[in-house]
Full PDB file with SEQRES, HELIX, SHEET, SSBOND, CRYST1, ORIGX, SCALE, CONECT and MASTER records, all heavy atoms in Angstrom:
SEQRES   1 A   41  LYS VAL ASN ARG PRO HIS PRO GLY ASP HIS PRO LEU LEU          
SEQRES   2 A   41  ILE ILE PHE MET VAL GLY GLY VAL SER VAL PRO GLU VAL          
SEQRES   3 A   41  LYS MET VAL LYS ASP LEU VAL ALA THR ARG LYS PRO GLY          
SEQRES   4 A   41  THR GLN                                                      
HELIX    1 AA1 PRO A    7  ASP A    9  5                                   3    
HELIX    2 AA2 VAL A   23  ARG A   36  1                                  14    
CRYST1    1.000    1.000    1.000  90.00  90.00  90.00 P 1           1          
ORIGX1      1.000000  0.000000  0.000000        0.00000                         
ORIGX2      0.000000  1.000000  0.000000        0.00000                         
ORIGX3      0.000000  0.000000  1.000000        0.00000                         
SCALE1      1.000000  0.000000  0.000000        0.00000                         
SCALE2      0.000000  1.000000  0.000000        0.00000                         
SCALE3      0.000000  0.000000  1.000000        0.00000                         
ATOM      1  N   LYS A   1      21.414 -17.094   5.420  1.00  0.00           N  
ATOM      2  CA  LYS A   1      20.699 -15.810   5.342  1.00  0.00           C  
ATOM      3  C   LYS A   1      19.854 -15.763   4.086  1.00  0.00           C  
ATOM      4  O   LYS A   1      20.311 -15.773   2.963  1.00  0.00           O  
ATOM      5  CB  LYS A   1      21.775 -14.701   5.254  1.00  0.00           C  
ATOM      6  CG  LYS A   1      21.248 -13.327   5.165  1.00  0.00           C  
ATOM      7  CD  LYS A   1      20.598 -12.885   6.451  1.00  0.00           C  
ATOM      8  CE  LYS A   1      20.182 -11.427   6.326  1.00  0.00           C  
ATOM      9  NZ  LYS A   1      19.025 -11.091   7.073  1.00  0.00           N  
ATOM     10  N   VAL A   2      18.518 -15.768   4.365  1.00  0.00           N  
ATOM     11  CA  VAL A   2      17.574 -15.688   3.255  1.00  0.00           C  
ATOM     12  C   VAL A   2      16.690 -14.460   3.602  1.00  0.00           C  
ATOM     13  O   VAL A   2      16.132 -14.361   4.646  1.00  0.00           O  
ATOM     14  CB  VAL A   2      16.685 -16.915   3.179  1.00  0.00           C  
ATOM     15  CG1 VAL A   2      15.616 -16.764   2.137  1.00  0.00           C  
ATOM     16  CG2 VAL A   2      17.505 -18.135   2.884  1.00  0.00           C  
ATOM     17  N   ASN A   3      16.644 -13.490   2.675  1.00  0.00           N  
ATOM     18  CA  ASN A   3      15.871 -12.294   2.845  1.00  0.00           C  
ATOM     19  C   ASN A   3      14.405 -12.600   2.742  1.00  0.00           C  
ATOM     20  O   ASN A   3      13.985 -13.287   1.824  1.00  0.00           O  
ATOM     21  CB  ASN A   3      16.282 -11.210   1.891  1.00  0.00           C  
ATOM     22  CG  ASN A   3      17.659 -10.662   2.147  1.00  0.00           C  
ATOM     23  OD1 ASN A   3      18.129 -10.767   3.230  1.00  0.00           O  
ATOM     24  ND2 ASN A   3      18.197 -10.050   1.128  1.00  0.00           N  
ATOM     25  N   ARG A   4      13.638 -12.093   3.713  1.00  0.00           N  
ATOM     26  CA  ARG A   4      12.208 -12.203   3.623  1.00  0.00           C  
ATOM     27  C   ARG A   4      11.693 -11.258   2.540  1.00  0.00           C  
ATOM     28  O   ARG A   4      12.244 -10.190   2.357  1.00  0.00           O  
ATOM     29  CB  ARG A   4      11.547 -11.847   4.961  1.00  0.00           C  
ATOM     30  CG  ARG A   4      11.881 -12.823   6.092  1.00  0.00           C  
ATOM     31  CD  ARG A   4      11.156 -12.443   7.362  1.00  0.00           C  
ATOM     32  NE  ARG A   4      11.489 -11.055   7.733  1.00  0.00           N  
ATOM     33  CZ  ARG A   4      10.780 -10.355   8.600  1.00  0.00           C  
ATOM     34  NH1 ARG A   4       9.738 -10.843   9.179  1.00  0.00           N  
ATOM     35  NH2 ARG A   4      11.134  -9.127   8.898  1.00  0.00           N  
ATOM     36  N   PRO A   5      10.594 -11.613   1.921  1.00  0.00           N  
ATOM     37  CA  PRO A   5      10.030 -10.705   0.922  1.00  0.00           C  
ATOM     38  C   PRO A   5       9.546  -9.433   1.612  1.00  0.00           C  
ATOM     39  O   PRO A   5       9.094  -9.494   2.754  1.00  0.00           O  
ATOM     40  CB  PRO A   5       8.831 -11.501   0.370  1.00  0.00           C  
ATOM     41  CG  PRO A   5       9.114 -12.901   0.679  1.00  0.00           C  
ATOM     42  CD  PRO A   5       9.915 -12.934   1.930  1.00  0.00           C  
ATOM     43  N   HIS A   6       9.707  -8.366   0.953  1.00  0.00           N  
ATOM     44  CA  HIS A   6       9.301  -7.066   1.472  1.00  0.00           C  
ATOM     45  C   HIS A   6       7.920  -6.749   0.841  1.00  0.00           C  
ATOM     46  O   HIS A   6       7.710  -7.008  -0.311  1.00  0.00           O  
ATOM     47  CB  HIS A   6      10.290  -5.952   1.098  1.00  0.00           C  
ATOM     48  CG  HIS A   6      10.064  -4.684   1.812  1.00  0.00           C  
ATOM     49  ND1 HIS A   6       9.139  -3.770   1.464  1.00  0.00           N  
ATOM     50  CD2 HIS A   6      10.696  -4.156   2.939  1.00  0.00           C  
ATOM     51  CE1 HIS A   6       9.191  -2.729   2.270  1.00  0.00           C  
ATOM     52  NE2 HIS A   6      10.141  -2.977   3.167  1.00  0.00           N  
ATOM     53  N   PRO A   7       6.940  -6.216   1.644  1.00  0.00           N  
ATOM     54  CA  PRO A   7       5.640  -5.945   1.089  1.00  0.00           C  
ATOM     55  C   PRO A   7       5.668  -5.021  -0.091  1.00  0.00           C  
ATOM     56  O   PRO A   7       4.832  -5.053  -0.964  1.00  0.00           O  
ATOM     57  CB  PRO A   7       4.873  -5.277   2.259  1.00  0.00           C  
ATOM     58  CG  PRO A   7       5.625  -5.673   3.468  1.00  0.00           C  
ATOM     59  CD  PRO A   7       7.041  -5.939   3.086  1.00  0.00           C  
ATOM     60  N   GLY A   8       6.633  -4.142  -0.142  1.00  0.00           N  
ATOM     61  CA  GLY A   8       6.751  -3.179  -1.260  1.00  0.00           C  
ATOM     62  C   GLY A   8       7.282  -3.809  -2.577  1.00  0.00           C  
ATOM     63  O   GLY A   8       7.346  -3.118  -3.569  1.00  0.00           O  
ATOM     64  N   ASP A   9       7.712  -5.095  -2.540  1.00  0.00           N  
ATOM     65  CA  ASP A   9       8.187  -5.720  -3.725  1.00  0.00           C  
ATOM     66  C   ASP A   9       7.151  -6.041  -4.738  1.00  0.00           C  
ATOM     67  O   ASP A   9       7.474  -6.279  -5.904  1.00  0.00           O  
ATOM     68  CB  ASP A   9       8.917  -7.088  -3.342  1.00  0.00           C  
ATOM     69  CG  ASP A   9      10.173  -6.842  -2.602  1.00  0.00           C  
ATOM     70  OD1 ASP A   9      10.694  -5.763  -2.621  1.00  0.00           O  
ATOM     71  OD2 ASP A   9      10.663  -7.822  -1.935  1.00  0.00           O  
ATOM     72  N   HIS A  10       5.960  -6.084  -4.336  1.00  0.00           N  
ATOM     73  CA  HIS A  10       4.855  -6.531  -5.242  1.00  0.00           C  
ATOM     74  C   HIS A  10       4.134  -5.369  -5.903  1.00  0.00           C  
ATOM     75  O   HIS A  10       4.005  -4.302  -5.273  1.00  0.00           O  
ATOM     76  CB  HIS A  10       3.881  -7.391  -4.420  1.00  0.00           C  
ATOM     77  CG  HIS A  10       4.535  -8.566  -3.782  1.00  0.00           C  
ATOM     78  ND1 HIS A  10       4.911  -9.677  -4.433  1.00  0.00           N  
ATOM     79  CD2 HIS A  10       4.938  -8.730  -2.495  1.00  0.00           C  
ATOM     80  CE1 HIS A  10       5.443 -10.509  -3.625  1.00  0.00           C  
ATOM     81  NE2 HIS A  10       5.491  -9.956  -2.436  1.00  0.00           N  
ATOM     82  N   PRO A  11       3.722  -5.485  -7.100  1.00  0.00           N  
ATOM     83  CA  PRO A  11       3.051  -4.364  -7.818  1.00  0.00           C  
ATOM     84  C   PRO A  11       1.615  -4.190  -7.371  1.00  0.00           C  
ATOM     85  O   PRO A  11       1.001  -3.144  -7.706  1.00  0.00           O  
ATOM     86  CB  PRO A  11       3.126  -4.822  -9.283  1.00  0.00           C  
ATOM     87  CG  PRO A  11       3.155  -6.309  -9.241  1.00  0.00           C  
ATOM     88  CD  PRO A  11       3.912  -6.639  -7.986  1.00  0.00           C  
ATOM     89  N   LEU A  12       1.052  -5.097  -6.607  1.00  0.00           N  
ATOM     90  CA  LEU A  12      -0.296  -4.998  -6.111  1.00  0.00           C  
ATOM     91  C   LEU A  12      -0.251  -5.120  -4.575  1.00  0.00           C  
ATOM     92  O   LEU A  12       0.230  -6.093  -4.049  1.00  0.00           O  
ATOM     93  CB  LEU A  12      -1.206  -6.061  -6.690  1.00  0.00           C  
ATOM     94  CG  LEU A  12      -2.651  -6.056  -6.197  1.00  0.00           C  
ATOM     95  CD1 LEU A  12      -3.396  -4.833  -6.614  1.00  0.00           C  
ATOM     96  CD2 LEU A  12      -3.379  -7.288  -6.718  1.00  0.00           C  
ATOM     97  N   LEU A  13      -0.784  -4.119  -3.902  1.00  0.00           N  
ATOM     98  CA  LEU A  13      -0.760  -4.111  -2.477  1.00  0.00           C  
ATOM     99  C   LEU A  13      -2.212  -4.045  -1.967  1.00  0.00           C  
ATOM    100  O   LEU A  13      -2.988  -3.246  -2.348  1.00  0.00           O  
ATOM    101  CB  LEU A  13      -0.020  -2.852  -1.965  1.00  0.00           C  
ATOM    102  CG  LEU A  13       0.020  -2.642  -0.461  1.00  0.00           C  
ATOM    103  CD1 LEU A  13       0.817  -3.756   0.239  1.00  0.00           C  
ATOM    104  CD2 LEU A  13       0.713  -1.253  -0.159  1.00  0.00           C  
ATOM    105  N   ILE A  14      -2.562  -5.045  -1.180  1.00  0.00           N  
ATOM    106  CA  ILE A  14      -3.915  -5.107  -0.581  1.00  0.00           C  
ATOM    107  C   ILE A  14      -3.777  -4.856   0.910  1.00  0.00           C  
ATOM    108  O   ILE A  14      -3.097  -5.553   1.594  1.00  0.00           O  
ATOM    109  CB  ILE A  14      -4.599  -6.448  -0.864  1.00  0.00           C  
ATOM    110  CG1 ILE A  14      -4.728  -6.705  -2.343  1.00  0.00           C  
ATOM    111  CG2 ILE A  14      -5.950  -6.534  -0.144  1.00  0.00           C  
ATOM    112  CD1 ILE A  14      -5.209  -8.032  -2.738  1.00  0.00           C  
ATOM    113  N   ILE A  15      -4.442  -3.847   1.363  1.00  0.00           N  
ATOM    114  CA  ILE A  15      -4.473  -3.455   2.832  1.00  0.00           C  
ATOM    115  C   ILE A  15      -5.866  -3.759   3.354  1.00  0.00           C  
ATOM    116  O   ILE A  15      -6.809  -3.217   2.805  1.00  0.00           O  
ATOM    117  CB  ILE A  15      -4.072  -2.013   3.025  1.00  0.00           C  
ATOM    118  CG1 ILE A  15      -2.700  -1.748   2.493  1.00  0.00           C  
ATOM    119  CG2 ILE A  15      -4.185  -1.622   4.484  1.00  0.00           C  
ATOM    120  CD1 ILE A  15      -2.302  -0.305   2.550  1.00  0.00           C  
ATOM    121  N   PHE A  16      -5.938  -4.606   4.302  1.00  0.00           N  
ATOM    122  CA  PHE A  16      -7.261  -4.936   4.917  1.00  0.00           C  
ATOM    123  C   PHE A  16      -7.326  -4.294   6.313  1.00  0.00           C  
ATOM    124  O   PHE A  16      -6.478  -4.544   7.113  1.00  0.00           O  
ATOM    125  CB  PHE A  16      -7.346  -6.470   5.057  1.00  0.00           C  
ATOM    126  CG  PHE A  16      -8.672  -6.864   5.695  1.00  0.00           C  
ATOM    127  CD1 PHE A  16      -9.781  -6.945   4.952  1.00  0.00           C  
ATOM    128  CD2 PHE A  16      -8.695  -7.187   7.047  1.00  0.00           C  
ATOM    129  CE1 PHE A  16     -11.036  -7.335   5.526  1.00  0.00           C  
ATOM    130  CE2 PHE A  16      -9.878  -7.592   7.659  1.00  0.00           C  
ATOM    131  CZ  PHE A  16     -11.055  -7.637   6.919  1.00  0.00           C  
ATOM    132  N   MET A  17      -8.296  -3.419   6.474  1.00  0.00           N  
ATOM    133  CA  MET A  17      -8.472  -2.685   7.732  1.00  0.00           C  
ATOM    134  C   MET A  17      -9.722  -3.214   8.416  1.00  0.00           C  
ATOM    135  O   MET A  17     -10.791  -3.073   7.906  1.00  0.00           O  
ATOM    136  CB  MET A  17      -8.606  -1.200   7.568  1.00  0.00           C  
ATOM    137  CG  MET A  17      -7.332  -0.525   7.017  1.00  0.00           C  
ATOM    138  SD  MET A  17      -6.027  -0.437   8.192  1.00  0.00           S  
ATOM    139  CE  MET A  17      -6.719   0.642   9.404  1.00  0.00           C  
ATOM    140  N   VAL A  18      -9.544  -3.756   9.635  1.00  0.00           N  
ATOM    141  CA  VAL A  18     -10.659  -4.191  10.416  1.00  0.00           C  
ATOM    142  C   VAL A  18     -11.421  -2.929  10.833  1.00  0.00           C  
ATOM    143  O   VAL A  18     -10.810  -2.011  11.419  1.00  0.00           O  
ATOM    144  CB  VAL A  18     -10.231  -4.998  11.654  1.00  0.00           C  
ATOM    145  CG1 VAL A  18     -11.401  -5.317  12.557  1.00  0.00           C  
ATOM    146  CG2 VAL A  18      -9.498  -6.278  11.224  1.00  0.00           C  
ATOM    147  N   GLY A  19     -12.687  -2.878  10.491  1.00  0.00           N  
ATOM    148  CA  GLY A  19     -13.476  -1.700  10.851  1.00  0.00           C  
ATOM    149  C   GLY A  19     -13.601  -0.753   9.675  1.00  0.00           C  
ATOM    150  O   GLY A  19     -14.474   0.195   9.730  1.00  0.00           O  
ATOM    151  N   GLY A  20     -12.855  -0.923   8.637  1.00  0.00           N  
ATOM    152  CA  GLY A  20     -13.012  -0.097   7.493  1.00  0.00           C  
ATOM    153  C   GLY A  20     -12.129   1.136   7.495  1.00  0.00           C  
ATOM    154  O   GLY A  20     -11.450   1.394   8.395  1.00  0.00           O  
ATOM    155  N   VAL A  21     -12.220   1.864   6.415  1.00  0.00           N  
ATOM    156  CA  VAL A  21     -11.504   3.146   6.283  1.00  0.00           C  
ATOM    157  C   VAL A  21     -12.450   4.265   5.827  1.00  0.00           C  
ATOM    158  O   VAL A  21     -13.482   4.001   5.223  1.00  0.00           O  
ATOM    159  CB  VAL A  21     -10.308   3.049   5.283  1.00  0.00           C  
ATOM    160  CG1 VAL A  21      -9.230   2.121   5.857  1.00  0.00           C  
ATOM    161  CG2 VAL A  21     -10.741   2.613   3.924  1.00  0.00           C  
ATOM    162  N   SER A  22     -12.035   5.482   6.001  1.00  0.00           N  
ATOM    163  CA  SER A  22     -12.846   6.652   5.550  1.00  0.00           C  
ATOM    164  C   SER A  22     -12.335   7.069   4.159  1.00  0.00           C  
ATOM    165  O   SER A  22     -11.252   6.674   3.765  1.00  0.00           O  
ATOM    166  CB  SER A  22     -12.730   7.804   6.515  1.00  0.00           C  
ATOM    167  OG  SER A  22     -11.388   8.210   6.605  1.00  0.00           O  
ATOM    168  N   VAL A  23     -13.075   7.887   3.510  1.00  0.00           N  
ATOM    169  CA  VAL A  23     -12.677   8.398   2.174  1.00  0.00           C  
ATOM    170  C   VAL A  23     -11.361   9.169   2.253  1.00  0.00           C  
ATOM    171  O   VAL A  23     -10.436   8.976   1.456  1.00  0.00           O  
ATOM    172  CB  VAL A  23     -13.789   9.266   1.549  1.00  0.00           C  
ATOM    173  CG1 VAL A  23     -13.340   9.892   0.305  1.00  0.00           C  
ATOM    174  CG2 VAL A  23     -14.999   8.380   1.264  1.00  0.00           C  
ATOM    175  N   PRO A  24     -11.109  10.058   3.269  1.00  0.00           N  
ATOM    176  CA  PRO A  24      -9.880  10.733   3.367  1.00  0.00           C  
ATOM    177  C   PRO A  24      -8.694   9.786   3.632  1.00  0.00           C  
ATOM    178  O   PRO A  24      -7.606  10.028   3.071  1.00  0.00           O  
ATOM    179  CB  PRO A  24     -10.069  11.684   4.603  1.00  0.00           C  
ATOM    180  CG  PRO A  24     -11.488  11.897   4.704  1.00  0.00           C  
ATOM    181  CD  PRO A  24     -12.123  10.607   4.241  1.00  0.00           C  
ATOM    182  N   GLU A  25      -8.921   8.649   4.340  1.00  0.00           N  
ATOM    183  CA  GLU A  25      -7.845   7.714   4.504  1.00  0.00           C  
ATOM    184  C   GLU A  25      -7.516   7.017   3.157  1.00  0.00           C  
ATOM    185  O   GLU A  25      -6.334   6.754   2.855  1.00  0.00           O  
ATOM    186  CB  GLU A  25      -8.242   6.657   5.541  1.00  0.00           C  
ATOM    187  CG  GLU A  25      -8.249   7.176   6.950  1.00  0.00           C  
ATOM    188  CD  GLU A  25      -8.813   6.259   7.949  1.00  0.00           C  
ATOM    189  OE1 GLU A  25      -9.848   5.563   7.638  1.00  0.00           O  
ATOM    190  OE2 GLU A  25      -8.277   6.184   9.109  1.00  0.00           O  
ATOM    191  N   VAL A  26      -8.521   6.704   2.358  1.00  0.00           N  
ATOM    192  CA  VAL A  26      -8.245   6.062   1.080  1.00  0.00           C  
ATOM    193  C   VAL A  26      -7.436   7.035   0.181  1.00  0.00           C  
ATOM    194  O   VAL A  26      -6.499   6.615  -0.467  1.00  0.00           O  
ATOM    195  CB  VAL A  26      -9.568   5.724   0.356  1.00  0.00           C  
ATOM    196  CG1 VAL A  26      -9.346   5.255  -1.060  1.00  0.00           C  
ATOM    197  CG2 VAL A  26     -10.317   4.607   1.132  1.00  0.00           C  
ATOM    198  N   LYS A  27      -7.804   8.325   0.222  1.00  0.00           N  
ATOM    199  CA  LYS A  27      -7.060   9.300  -0.555  1.00  0.00           C  
ATOM    200  C   LYS A  27      -5.640   9.429  -0.082  1.00  0.00           C  
ATOM    201  O   LYS A  27      -4.690   9.501  -0.875  1.00  0.00           O  
ATOM    202  CB  LYS A  27      -7.752  10.703  -0.506  1.00  0.00           C  
ATOM    203  CG  LYS A  27      -7.058  11.757  -1.315  1.00  0.00           C  
ATOM    204  CD  LYS A  27      -7.815  13.042  -1.280  1.00  0.00           C  
ATOM    205  CE  LYS A  27      -7.172  14.126  -2.128  1.00  0.00           C  
ATOM    206  NZ  LYS A  27      -5.850  14.027  -2.548  1.00  0.00           N  
ATOM    207  N   MET A  28      -5.435   9.394   1.272  1.00  0.00           N  
ATOM    208  CA  MET A  28      -4.098   9.480   1.812  1.00  0.00           C  
ATOM    209  C   MET A  28      -3.212   8.341   1.380  1.00  0.00           C  
ATOM    210  O   MET A  28      -2.089   8.533   0.959  1.00  0.00           O  
ATOM    211  CB  MET A  28      -4.144   9.506   3.336  1.00  0.00           C  
ATOM    212  CG  MET A  28      -2.789   9.497   4.007  1.00  0.00           C  
ATOM    213  SD  MET A  28      -2.851   9.019   5.749  1.00  0.00           S  
ATOM    214  CE  MET A  28      -3.526   7.406   5.672  1.00  0.00           C  
ATOM    215  N   VAL A  29      -3.812   7.109   1.402  1.00  0.00           N  
ATOM    216  CA  VAL A  29      -3.038   5.901   0.972  1.00  0.00           C  
ATOM    217  C   VAL A  29      -2.706   6.027  -0.546  1.00  0.00           C  
ATOM    218  O   VAL A  29      -1.609   5.747  -0.945  1.00  0.00           O  
ATOM    219  CB  VAL A  29      -3.826   4.643   1.301  1.00  0.00           C  
ATOM    220  CG1 VAL A  29      -3.201   3.407   0.587  1.00  0.00           C  
ATOM    221  CG2 VAL A  29      -3.913   4.363   2.753  1.00  0.00           C  
ATOM    222  N   LYS A  30      -3.715   6.410  -1.284  1.00  0.00           N  
ATOM    223  CA  LYS A  30      -3.516   6.540  -2.778  1.00  0.00           C  
ATOM    224  C   LYS A  30      -2.401   7.576  -3.082  1.00  0.00           C  
ATOM    225  O   LYS A  30      -1.520   7.348  -3.935  1.00  0.00           O  
ATOM    226  CB  LYS A  30      -4.811   6.930  -3.423  1.00  0.00           C  
ATOM    227  CG  LYS A  30      -4.772   6.985  -4.902  1.00  0.00           C  
ATOM    228  CD  LYS A  30      -6.114   7.275  -5.510  1.00  0.00           C  
ATOM    229  CE  LYS A  30      -6.017   7.278  -7.037  1.00  0.00           C  
ATOM    230  NZ  LYS A  30      -7.259   7.652  -7.655  1.00  0.00           N  
ATOM    231  N   ASP A  31      -2.414   8.747  -2.394  1.00  0.00           N  
ATOM    232  CA  ASP A  31      -1.412   9.743  -2.636  1.00  0.00           C  
ATOM    233  C   ASP A  31      -0.043   9.283  -2.171  1.00  0.00           C  
ATOM    234  O   ASP A  31       0.973   9.541  -2.871  1.00  0.00           O  
ATOM    235  CB  ASP A  31      -1.780  11.042  -1.923  1.00  0.00           C  
ATOM    236  CG  ASP A  31      -2.986  11.710  -2.471  1.00  0.00           C  
ATOM    237  OD1 ASP A  31      -3.372  11.359  -3.652  1.00  0.00           O  
ATOM    238  OD2 ASP A  31      -3.642  12.597  -1.846  1.00  0.00           O  
ATOM    239  N   LEU A  32       0.074   8.635  -1.022  1.00  0.00           N  
ATOM    240  CA  LEU A  32       1.392   8.147  -0.543  1.00  0.00           C  
ATOM    241  C   LEU A  32       1.977   7.153  -1.476  1.00  0.00           C  
ATOM    242  O   LEU A  32       3.161   7.218  -1.799  1.00  0.00           O  
ATOM    243  CB  LEU A  32       1.175   7.528   0.855  1.00  0.00           C  
ATOM    244  CG  LEU A  32       1.265   8.409   2.048  1.00  0.00           C  
ATOM    245  CD1 LEU A  32       0.878   7.643   3.340  1.00  0.00           C  
ATOM    246  CD2 LEU A  32       2.668   9.006   2.228  1.00  0.00           C  
ATOM    247  N   VAL A  33       1.165   6.196  -1.878  1.00  0.00           N  
ATOM    248  CA  VAL A  33       1.636   5.131  -2.811  1.00  0.00           C  
ATOM    249  C   VAL A  33       2.048   5.755  -4.162  1.00  0.00           C  
ATOM    250  O   VAL A  33       3.107   5.430  -4.736  1.00  0.00           O  
ATOM    251  CB  VAL A  33       0.609   4.018  -2.999  1.00  0.00           C  
ATOM    252  CG1 VAL A  33       1.056   3.093  -4.066  1.00  0.00           C  
ATOM    253  CG2 VAL A  33       0.404   3.282  -1.703  1.00  0.00           C  
ATOM    254  N   ALA A  34       1.272   6.704  -4.654  1.00  0.00           N  
ATOM    255  CA  ALA A  34       1.616   7.362  -5.936  1.00  0.00           C  
ATOM    256  C   ALA A  34       2.935   8.145  -5.879  1.00  0.00           C  
ATOM    257  O   ALA A  34       3.681   8.139  -6.839  1.00  0.00           O  
ATOM    258  CB  ALA A  34       0.486   8.304  -6.337  1.00  0.00           C  
ATOM    259  N   THR A  35       3.231   8.802  -4.749  1.00  0.00           N  
ATOM    260  CA  THR A  35       4.461   9.595  -4.670  1.00  0.00           C  
ATOM    261  C   THR A  35       5.601   8.756  -4.260  1.00  0.00           C  
ATOM    262  O   THR A  35       6.752   9.021  -4.739  1.00  0.00           O  
ATOM    263  CB  THR A  35       4.298  10.740  -3.635  1.00  0.00           C  
ATOM    264  OG1 THR A  35       3.919  10.196  -2.367  1.00  0.00           O  
ATOM    265  CG2 THR A  35       3.270  11.725  -4.104  1.00  0.00           C  
ATOM    266  N   ARG A  36       5.482   7.774  -3.358  1.00  0.00           N  
ATOM    267  CA  ARG A  36       6.586   6.956  -2.883  1.00  0.00           C  
ATOM    268  C   ARG A  36       6.871   5.675  -3.646  1.00  0.00           C  
ATOM    269  O   ARG A  36       7.975   5.192  -3.617  1.00  0.00           O  
ATOM    270  CB  ARG A  36       6.387   6.645  -1.401  1.00  0.00           C  
ATOM    271  CG  ARG A  36       6.467   7.878  -0.543  1.00  0.00           C  
ATOM    272  CD  ARG A  36       6.320   7.511   0.891  1.00  0.00           C  
ATOM    273  NE  ARG A  36       6.403   8.707   1.721  1.00  0.00           N  
ATOM    274  CZ  ARG A  36       7.212   8.761   2.765  1.00  0.00           C  
ATOM    275  NH1 ARG A  36       7.954   7.770   3.076  1.00  0.00           N  
ATOM    276  NH2 ARG A  36       7.269   9.885   3.417  1.00  0.00           N  
ATOM    277  N   LYS A  37       5.858   5.129  -4.298  1.00  0.00           N  
ATOM    278  CA  LYS A  37       6.015   3.825  -4.941  1.00  0.00           C  
ATOM    279  C   LYS A  37       5.191   3.808  -6.262  1.00  0.00           C  
ATOM    280  O   LYS A  37       4.225   3.075  -6.336  1.00  0.00           O  
ATOM    281  CB  LYS A  37       5.571   2.710  -4.032  1.00  0.00           C  
ATOM    282  CG  LYS A  37       5.992   1.348  -4.398  1.00  0.00           C  
ATOM    283  CD  LYS A  37       7.407   1.117  -3.931  1.00  0.00           C  
ATOM    284  CE  LYS A  37       7.640  -0.367  -4.137  1.00  0.00           C  
ATOM    285  NZ  LYS A  37       9.081  -0.664  -4.189  1.00  0.00           N  
ATOM    286  N   PRO A  38       5.564   4.676  -7.215  1.00  0.00           N  
ATOM    287  CA  PRO A  38       4.753   4.713  -8.475  1.00  0.00           C  
ATOM    288  C   PRO A  38       4.701   3.364  -9.156  1.00  0.00           C  
ATOM    289  O   PRO A  38       5.696   2.586  -9.100  1.00  0.00           O  
ATOM    290  CB  PRO A  38       5.454   5.760  -9.329  1.00  0.00           C  
ATOM    291  CG  PRO A  38       6.513   6.350  -8.494  1.00  0.00           C  
ATOM    292  CD  PRO A  38       6.702   5.537  -7.266  1.00  0.00           C  
ATOM    293  N   GLY A  39       3.610   3.083  -9.794  1.00  0.00           N  
ATOM    294  CA  GLY A  39       3.486   1.762 -10.470  1.00  0.00           C  
ATOM    295  C   GLY A  39       2.867   0.699  -9.571  1.00  0.00           C  
ATOM    296  O   GLY A  39       2.565  -0.424 -10.018  1.00  0.00           O  
ATOM    297  N   THR A  40       2.675   0.990  -8.335  1.00  0.00           N  
ATOM    298  CA  THR A  40       2.024   0.052  -7.406  1.00  0.00           C  
ATOM    299  C   THR A  40       0.529   0.352  -7.298  1.00  0.00           C  
ATOM    300  O   THR A  40       0.161   1.517  -7.193  1.00  0.00           O  
ATOM    301  CB  THR A  40       2.616   0.129  -5.992  1.00  0.00           C  
ATOM    302  OG1 THR A  40       4.009  -0.199  -6.105  1.00  0.00           O  
ATOM    303  CG2 THR A  40       1.994  -0.870  -5.053  1.00  0.00           C  
ATOM    304  N   GLN A  41      -0.288  -0.684  -7.374  1.00  0.00           N  
ATOM    305  CA  GLN A  41      -1.691  -0.424  -7.214  1.00  0.00           C  
ATOM    306  C   GLN A  41      -2.104  -0.706  -5.821  1.00  0.00           C  
ATOM    307  O   GLN A  41      -1.622  -1.624  -5.184  1.00  0.00           O  
ATOM    308  CB  GLN A  41      -2.488  -1.441  -8.120  1.00  0.00           C  
ATOM    309  CG  GLN A  41      -2.371  -1.152  -9.612  1.00  0.00           C  
ATOM    310  CD  GLN A  41      -3.230  -2.129 -10.399  1.00  0.00           C  
ATOM    311  OE1 GLN A  41      -3.539  -3.200  -9.977  1.00  0.00           O  
ATOM    312  NE2 GLN A  41      -3.635  -1.675 -11.595  1.00  0.00           N  
TER     313      GLN A  41                                                      
MASTER        0    0    0    2    0    0    0    6  312    1    0    4          
END                                                                             
């Protein structure tokens, strides 16, 4: 039994969206990460 790394383990998270994102989506991601996973960029 070897645990796979969890994406939330890393202090830097890069999300690549095919087609791009809108400004409200960027704000939503920034707010979610700030409240649920402080210290993650």
